[in-house]
Structure formats: C-alpha cells, structure tokens
C-alpha cells in the first residue's frame, strides 16, 4: 500500500481495532489477515484476551476443533468472530455456498461450516473481504449462509457489527438492516466506493480516511505477530508482513 506498510498490515491493524475490548476472539481456517488481527489485538489489549485460531496448536485453547468453539459460543462466551464470504449483500447476509441457484451453483464456495450458527450467537461479528467490487458486494446474495438479521420477534444476540474491505470500512445498523460507510482507505473517495459497491449504503456525516497502523502496531505485526503465525501461514508472513 505504501513504503511504510503493506496492505495486509493496514487491514490487520484496522481489524484489530474492531476487536478492542473483546475478552474472547475466534478466527476460522484459511484466514491469515484476520488471524494477524486477532493476535495483534491480543498483544495490544489492556485486559486479558483469549484468541482461538482454528487449526493452530499454539494459539487455540480448544482441543477438538469446531465442536468446543461452537459450545463456547452457545454459552455466550465468544465475543468476536471474523467472517468472510464469497458474496456479501447490503442486508448483511453472507454467501459461502456458491453463485447461481443451489444445488446447481455454477461456482462453488468452501461451504458454511457453522457460519449461520456463529452469526446468530456472536455479538461482534466482523465481516471481512479484501476484494471490494460489485462481484462480491452484491444487491442480494444467491444463497444465505449467514443472515444479517433474524426474523422479527426472535431472540438473537449475534450479528454483523462492521464490514471491512480492501477499500473501506462500514458499520452495520441492525435496526435499519443496512450498512453505513464510516471511512475510506487511502486513495479512495465516497464516489469511488459507491461505484464499486453493488448495494446501497448510508454515509456517516464524519466519513474520513481510515487511519494507518501506528508505529507500535507495526512493531508488533512484524515481531511477535509474525512469529506466532509462522505455524499456520508461513507464506503469508514471508510475503506480507515486513518482519524485523
């Protein structure tokens, strides 16, 4: 992104700020930037934080993978989870199944793996997708793997809080059921974000530029965060974290 930091470092630092104040954070598999964000948030936390990186033997308090994680969430003990998707729409719905009518989808995604369950239970569900384009941010997803809101009158403690992309940061309004643009990344404008977003959104009156990672965050990312991720994501660490 600049000579001072990579785009991955920028996004990880931004995600980490969205996890501030959490006591427990979990990240699924094949998620190097969210994993970096969770470890960074833990290192920068002013209160104890437990981080679970699914698939890690070092940074995971659970011994039986998703089973214990889902039980933990059902008990109301999981504060934050970072969820990606092949498609995300303006109502906060996430598609992890495929493009086209199910079950004859012409493009298949990895699958839901409990995303609907966690989206209903985790109060700070941060949606993340690095690609920001009308192909990904669509008016309506082809398949709802995880719903932005539940049916009227149902009890649901969880749901999206924010959406972070490679271009901008949005907040999700549960009462309205839509996104509000909070900030744009360097080089972007409100108009450029509208042009690359397939759904309508509101704009916060104080929309500005997303803050870059500060010096302390970069030291942590390139030191202990990078060291902690070499088990799961050695190629990511080598390519995107400017290790010291």
Protein backbone atom coordinates (compact mmCIF):
# COMPACT_ATOMS: atom_id res chain seq x y z
CA UNK A 1 0.00 0.00 0.00
CA UNK A 2 2.87 2.36 0.88
CA UNK A 3 6.57 2.02 1.50
CA UNK A 4 5.89 2.08 5.25
CA UNK A 5 3.45 -0.83 5.46
CA UNK A 6 1.77 -3.44 3.30
CA UNK A 7 -1.95 -3.65 2.54
CA UNK A 8 -2.13 -6.75 4.74
CA UNK A 9 -0.63 -4.85 7.67
CA UNK A 10 -3.06 -1.98 7.09
CA UNK A 11 -6.08 -4.30 7.08
CA UNK A 12 -4.87 -6.37 10.04
CA UNK A 13 -4.37 -3.23 12.13
CA UNK A 14 -7.82 -1.94 11.17
CA UNK A 15 -9.45 -5.26 12.03
CA UNK A 16 -7.59 -5.35 15.35
CA UNK A 17 -9.15 -2.03 16.36
CA UNK A 18 -12.60 -3.55 15.75
CA UNK A 19 -11.75 -6.32 18.22
CA UNK A 20 -10.71 -3.96 21.02
CA UNK A 21 -12.48 -4.68 24.30
CA UNK A 22 -13.22 -8.31 23.46
CA UNK A 23 -12.39 -10.96 26.03
CA UNK A 24 -12.55 -13.82 23.53
CA UNK A 25 -11.90 -13.82 19.78
CA UNK A 26 -12.00 -16.69 17.27
CA UNK A 27 -10.82 -16.93 13.67
CA UNK A 28 -11.55 -19.76 11.23
CA UNK A 29 -9.24 -21.52 8.81
CA UNK A 30 -7.57 -20.01 5.73
CA UNK A 31 -7.80 -16.52 7.23
CA UNK A 32 -4.30 -15.06 7.54
CA UNK A 33 -5.23 -11.37 7.79
CA UNK A 34 -7.97 -11.97 10.41
CA UNK A 35 -5.54 -14.21 12.31
CA UNK A 36 -2.92 -11.46 12.30
CA UNK A 37 -5.56 -9.01 13.52
CA UNK A 38 -6.64 -11.26 16.39
CA UNK A 39 -3.09 -11.86 17.59
CA UNK A 40 -2.34 -8.13 17.29
CA UNK A 41 -5.48 -7.22 19.26
CA UNK A 42 -4.45 -9.65 21.99
CA UNK A 43 -0.94 -8.22 22.25
CA UNK A 44 -2.27 -4.65 22.36
CA UNK A 45 -5.16 -5.40 24.75
CA UNK A 46 -5.41 -3.64 28.09
CA UNK A 47 -7.34 -6.56 29.56
CA UNK A 48 -6.84 -10.33 29.22
CA UNK A 49 -7.96 -11.68 25.84
CA UNK A 50 -8.20 -15.28 24.68
CA UNK A 51 -7.62 -15.90 20.96
CA UNK A 52 -8.54 -19.08 19.10
CA UNK A 53 -7.05 -19.66 15.63
CA UNK A 54 -8.74 -22.75 14.26
CA UNK A 55 -6.12 -25.25 13.13
CA UNK A 56 -3.35 -23.91 15.35
CA UNK A 57 -1.72 -25.99 18.05
CA UNK A 58 -0.15 -22.88 19.61
CA UNK A 59 -2.94 -20.31 19.57
CA UNK A 60 -6.04 -22.32 20.30
CA UNK A 61 -7.41 -23.22 23.75
CA UNK A 62 -9.66 -25.90 22.24
CA UNK A 63 -8.57 -29.48 21.60
CA UNK A 64 -11.40 -30.74 19.40
CA UNK A 65 -11.64 -28.00 16.79
CA UNK A 66 -15.02 -26.54 15.98
CA UNK A 67 -17.02 -28.64 18.45
CA UNK A 68 -15.68 -26.85 21.51
CA UNK A 69 -15.75 -23.49 19.74
CA UNK A 70 -19.45 -23.87 18.95
CA UNK A 71 -20.23 -24.93 22.52
CA UNK A 72 -18.26 -21.92 23.76
CA UNK A 73 -20.29 -19.59 21.54
CA UNK A 74 -23.59 -21.18 22.62
CA UNK A 75 -22.70 -20.36 26.23
CA UNK A 76 -22.37 -16.69 25.31
CA UNK A 77 -18.63 -16.70 25.92
CA UNK A 78 -17.37 -15.82 22.43
CA UNK A 79 -17.31 -12.04 21.99
CA UNK A 80 -15.90 -11.63 18.48
CA UNK A 81 -15.57 -13.64 15.28
CA UNK A 82 -14.30 -12.56 11.85
CA UNK A 83 -16.28 -13.97 8.93
CA UNK A 84 -15.62 -13.73 5.20
CA UNK A 85 -17.79 -14.68 2.25
CA UNK A 86 -17.91 -15.17 -1.48
CA UNK A 87 -20.79 -12.68 -1.61
CA UNK A 88 -21.99 -10.11 0.94
CA UNK A 89 -25.12 -8.04 0.41
CA UNK A 90 -26.48 -4.79 1.77
CA UNK A 91 -28.59 -6.57 4.38
CA UNK A 92 -25.51 -8.13 5.95
CA UNK A 93 -26.18 -11.58 4.50
CA UNK A 94 -23.15 -13.74 3.66
CA UNK A 95 -22.93 -16.41 0.95
CA UNK A 96 -20.40 -19.20 1.48
CA UNK A 97 -22.11 -21.79 -0.76
CA UNK A 98 -21.84 -20.65 -4.38
CA UNK A 99 -23.02 -18.49 -7.27
CA UNK A 100 -26.21 -19.49 -9.05
CA UNK A 101 -29.22 -21.46 -7.91
CA UNK A 102 -28.44 -24.10 -5.30
CA UNK A 103 -27.76 -27.04 -5.69
CA UNK A 104 -26.71 -26.39 -9.30
CA UNK A 105 -24.39 -23.49 -8.46
CA UNK A 106 -22.07 -22.70 -11.34
CA UNK A 107 -19.37 -21.60 -8.88
CA UNK A 108 -18.92 -23.34 -5.53
CA UNK A 109 -17.51 -21.69 -2.41
CA UNK A 110 -15.92 -23.56 0.53
CA UNK A 111 -19.18 -24.06 2.45
CA UNK A 112 -20.92 -22.70 5.53
CA UNK A 113 -19.18 -24.64 8.33
CA UNK A 114 -21.35 -23.29 11.13
CA UNK A 115 -21.38 -19.68 9.92
CA UNK A 116 -25.16 -19.34 10.40
CA UNK A 117 -24.80 -20.62 13.95
CA UNK A 118 -21.95 -18.28 14.89
CA UNK A 119 -23.57 -15.29 13.16
CA UNK A 120 -26.62 -15.75 15.39
CA UNK A 121 -24.63 -16.04 18.62
CA UNK A 122 -21.53 -13.84 18.44
CA UNK A 123 -22.32 -10.20 19.34
CA UNK A 124 -19.33 -8.70 17.49
CA UNK A 125 -19.36 -10.43 14.11
CA UNK A 126 -16.92 -8.58 11.86
CA UNK A 127 -17.38 -9.24 8.15
CA UNK A 128 -14.18 -9.11 6.12
CA UNK A 129 -13.44 -9.40 2.43
CA UNK A 130 -10.31 -7.94 0.87
CA UNK A 131 -11.84 -7.68 -2.62
CA UNK A 132 -14.26 -4.77 -2.86
CA UNK A 133 -16.20 -4.97 -6.13
CA UNK A 134 -19.78 -5.38 -7.40
CA UNK A 135 -18.91 -9.05 -7.96
CA UNK A 136 -18.53 -9.57 -4.20
CA UNK A 137 -20.67 -6.81 -2.65
CA UNK A 138 -23.98 -7.61 -4.32
CA UNK A 139 -27.58 -6.33 -4.03
CA UNK A 140 -28.72 -9.77 -2.83
CA UNK A 141 -26.67 -12.90 -2.20
CA UNK A 142 -27.51 -16.01 -4.22
CA UNK A 143 -27.60 -18.13 -1.06
CA UNK A 144 -27.83 -17.02 2.58
CA UNK A 145 -25.24 -18.92 4.58
CA UNK A 146 -25.30 -16.45 7.47
CA UNK A 147 -28.13 -13.94 7.81
CA UNK A 148 -27.56 -10.31 8.71
CA UNK A 149 -30.75 -10.25 10.79
CA UNK A 150 -33.12 -12.87 12.13
CA UNK A 151 -36.91 -13.00 11.73
CA UNK A 152 -38.83 -10.27 13.54
CA UNK A 153 -39.50 -11.12 17.17
CA UNK A 154 -36.80 -13.76 17.52
CA UNK A 155 -34.06 -13.64 20.12
CA UNK A 156 -30.66 -13.24 18.52
CA UNK A 157 -27.66 -11.94 20.48
CA UNK A 158 -25.31 -12.08 17.49
CA UNK A 159 -24.94 -10.40 14.13
CA UNK A 160 -22.70 -8.20 12.00
CA UNK A 161 -21.13 -5.15 13.59
CA UNK A 162 -18.84 -3.99 10.77
CA UNK A 163 -17.73 -4.81 7.24
CA UNK A 164 -14.10 -4.20 6.33
CA UNK A 165 -12.88 -4.45 2.75
CA UNK A 166 -9.74 -3.51 0.88
CA UNK A 167 -11.32 -0.13 0.11
CA UNK A 168 -13.47 0.95 3.06
CA UNK A 169 -14.95 0.35 6.49
CA UNK A 170 -18.71 0.12 7.11
CA UNK A 171 -20.86 -0.17 10.24
CA UNK A 172 -23.97 -2.38 10.23
CA UNK A 173 -27.21 -0.88 11.55
CA UNK A 174 -29.35 -3.71 12.93
CA UNK A 175 -32.49 -1.59 13.29
CA UNK A 176 -32.33 -0.44 9.68
CA UNK A 177 -30.78 -3.63 8.34
CA UNK A 178 -28.13 -1.91 6.25
CA UNK A 179 -24.59 -0.56 6.15
CA UNK A 180 -23.23 2.92 6.83
CA UNK A 181 -19.88 3.98 5.38
CA UNK A 182 -17.53 5.03 8.20
CA UNK A 183 -14.23 5.61 6.41
CA UNK A 184 -12.46 5.15 3.10
CA UNK A 185 -8.94 3.81 2.71
CA UNK A 186 -6.14 5.97 1.28
CA UNK A 187 -6.72 6.79 -2.39
CA UNK A 188 -10.49 6.18 -2.22
CA UNK A 189 -13.45 8.58 -2.13
CA UNK A 190 -17.13 8.18 -1.30
CA UNK A 191 -17.89 8.23 -5.02
CA UNK A 192 -15.30 5.55 -5.81
CA UNK A 193 -16.75 3.34 -3.08
CA UNK A 194 -20.28 3.76 -4.45
CA UNK A 195 -19.04 2.86 -7.93
CA UNK A 196 -17.51 -0.40 -6.67
CA UNK A 197 -20.34 -1.45 -4.32
CA UNK A 198 -23.31 -3.42 -5.60
CA UNK A 199 -25.65 -2.40 -2.78
CA UNK A 200 -26.88 0.96 -1.48
CA UNK A 201 -25.46 2.28 1.79
CA UNK A 202 -25.68 5.35 4.01
CA UNK A 203 -22.72 7.59 4.78
CA UNK A 204 -21.68 8.75 8.22
CA UNK A 205 -21.54 12.58 8.48
CA UNK A 206 -17.90 12.35 9.53
CA UNK A 207 -16.60 9.98 6.84
CA UNK A 208 -12.84 10.35 6.65
CA UNK A 209 -9.78 8.32 5.79
CA UNK A 210 -9.17 5.04 7.59
CA UNK A 211 -6.22 5.57 9.98
CA UNK A 212 -2.99 3.76 9.09
CA UNK A 213 -1.29 1.40 11.54
CA UNK A 214 0.79 3.28 14.08
CA UNK A 215 4.43 2.52 14.86
CA UNK A 216 3.55 0.32 17.84
CA UNK A 217 1.19 -1.83 15.76
CA UNK A 218 3.80 -2.29 13.05
CA UNK A 219 6.42 -3.38 15.59
CA UNK A 220 4.00 -5.98 16.95
CA UNK A 221 2.92 -7.17 13.49
CA UNK A 222 6.48 -7.63 12.29
CA UNK A 223 7.71 -9.19 15.51
CA UNK A 224 5.53 -11.34 17.79
CA UNK A 225 2.52 -11.48 15.42
CA UNK A 226 4.66 -12.73 12.53
CA UNK A 227 6.37 -15.25 14.81
CA UNK A 228 3.01 -16.50 16.06
CA UNK A 229 1.63 -17.03 12.55
CA UNK A 230 4.53 -18.98 11.05
CA UNK A 231 2.92 -22.25 12.17
CA UNK A 232 -0.28 -21.68 10.14
CA UNK A 233 0.66 -19.12 7.50
CA UNK A 234 4.41 -19.18 6.74
CA UNK A 235 3.99 -17.96 3.15
CA UNK A 236 1.75 -15.09 4.25
CA UNK A 237 4.27 -13.99 6.86
CA UNK A 238 7.10 -14.08 4.35
CA UNK A 239 5.20 -12.17 1.64
CA UNK A 240 3.12 -9.60 3.51
CA UNK A 241 4.50 -8.94 6.99
CA UNK A 242 7.70 -6.92 6.84
CA UNK A 243 9.37 -8.97 9.54
CA UNK A 244 12.11 -7.41 11.60
